[in-house]
């Protein structure tokens, strides 16, 4: 793991994730962890690589990569 840089979520990431959770949880069944991952990735300007891209498509401006 020494080859990776770990970025901690910021207070803003948590606030944005909570806002998205309140707006999207009931209609799209999205959970807090996915909201937090999306808000952190958007702040950092990095893509999210996931096999479950359904929830991440909800976040405008987020690049989602689905590996084969």
Protein backbone atom coordinates (compact mmCIF):
# COMPACT_ATOMS: atom_id res chain seq x y z
CA UNK A 1 0.00 0.00 0.00
CA UNK A 2 3.04 2.28 0.14
CA UNK A 3 2.55 3.06 -3.55
CA UNK A 4 -0.81 4.72 -2.93
CA UNK A 5 -1.67 8.13 -1.57
CA UNK A 6 -4.60 8.09 0.85
CA UNK A 7 -6.92 11.09 0.80
CA UNK A 8 -9.16 11.61 3.80
CA UNK A 9 -12.69 12.96 3.29
CA UNK A 10 -13.08 16.57 4.35
CA UNK A 11 -15.84 18.19 6.35
CA UNK A 12 -17.23 19.51 3.05
CA UNK A 13 -17.26 15.96 1.61
CA UNK A 14 -19.31 14.74 4.58
CA UNK A 15 -21.74 17.67 4.31
CA UNK A 16 -22.21 17.15 0.56
CA UNK A 17 -22.67 13.40 1.06
CA UNK A 18 -25.32 13.95 3.71
CA UNK A 19 -27.17 16.40 1.45
CA UNK A 20 -27.14 13.92 -1.44
CA UNK A 21 -28.22 11.11 0.88
CA UNK A 22 -31.26 13.09 2.02
CA UNK A 23 -32.23 13.84 -1.58
CA UNK A 24 -31.48 10.46 -3.19
CA UNK A 25 -31.88 7.73 -0.59
CA UNK A 26 -35.62 7.15 -0.88
CA UNK A 27 -35.87 7.57 -4.65
CA UNK A 28 -32.70 5.69 -5.67
CA UNK A 29 -31.88 3.53 -2.61
CA UNK A 30 -28.38 4.99 -2.41
CA UNK A 31 -26.39 4.74 0.82
CA UNK A 32 -24.12 7.14 2.65
CA UNK A 33 -20.85 5.38 1.66
CA UNK A 34 -21.58 5.83 -2.07
CA UNK A 35 -22.48 9.48 -1.50
CA UNK A 36 -19.24 10.04 0.42
CA UNK A 37 -17.14 8.32 -2.25
CA UNK A 38 -18.78 10.45 -4.95
CA UNK A 39 -18.34 13.73 -3.08
CA UNK A 40 -14.68 12.98 -2.35
CA UNK A 41 -13.98 11.93 -5.94
CA UNK A 42 -15.61 15.06 -7.31
CA UNK A 43 -13.54 17.29 -5.00
CA UNK A 44 -10.34 15.51 -5.98
CA UNK A 45 -11.23 15.41 -9.69
CA UNK A 46 -10.62 11.67 -9.91
CA UNK A 47 -12.79 8.95 -11.46
CA UNK A 48 -14.53 6.22 -9.49
CA UNK A 49 -13.72 2.69 -10.62
CA UNK A 50 -16.49 0.26 -9.65
CA UNK A 51 -18.35 -2.81 -10.81
CA UNK A 52 -21.56 -1.30 -9.43
CA UNK A 53 -21.86 1.93 -11.40
CA UNK A 54 -25.64 2.32 -11.04
CA UNK A 55 -25.56 4.72 -8.08
CA UNK A 56 -22.58 6.72 -9.27
CA UNK A 57 -24.29 7.70 -12.53
CA UNK A 58 -26.51 10.00 -10.43
CA UNK A 59 -23.67 12.45 -9.73
CA UNK A 60 -23.26 15.05 -12.48
CA UNK A 61 -19.63 15.61 -13.41
CA UNK A 62 -18.36 12.37 -11.87
CA UNK A 63 -16.41 10.10 -14.19
CA UNK A 64 -17.26 6.45 -13.61
CA UNK A 65 -15.10 3.63 -14.96
CA UNK A 66 -16.50 0.12 -15.01
CA UNK A 67 -13.69 -2.43 -15.45
CA UNK A 68 -14.39 -5.45 -17.59
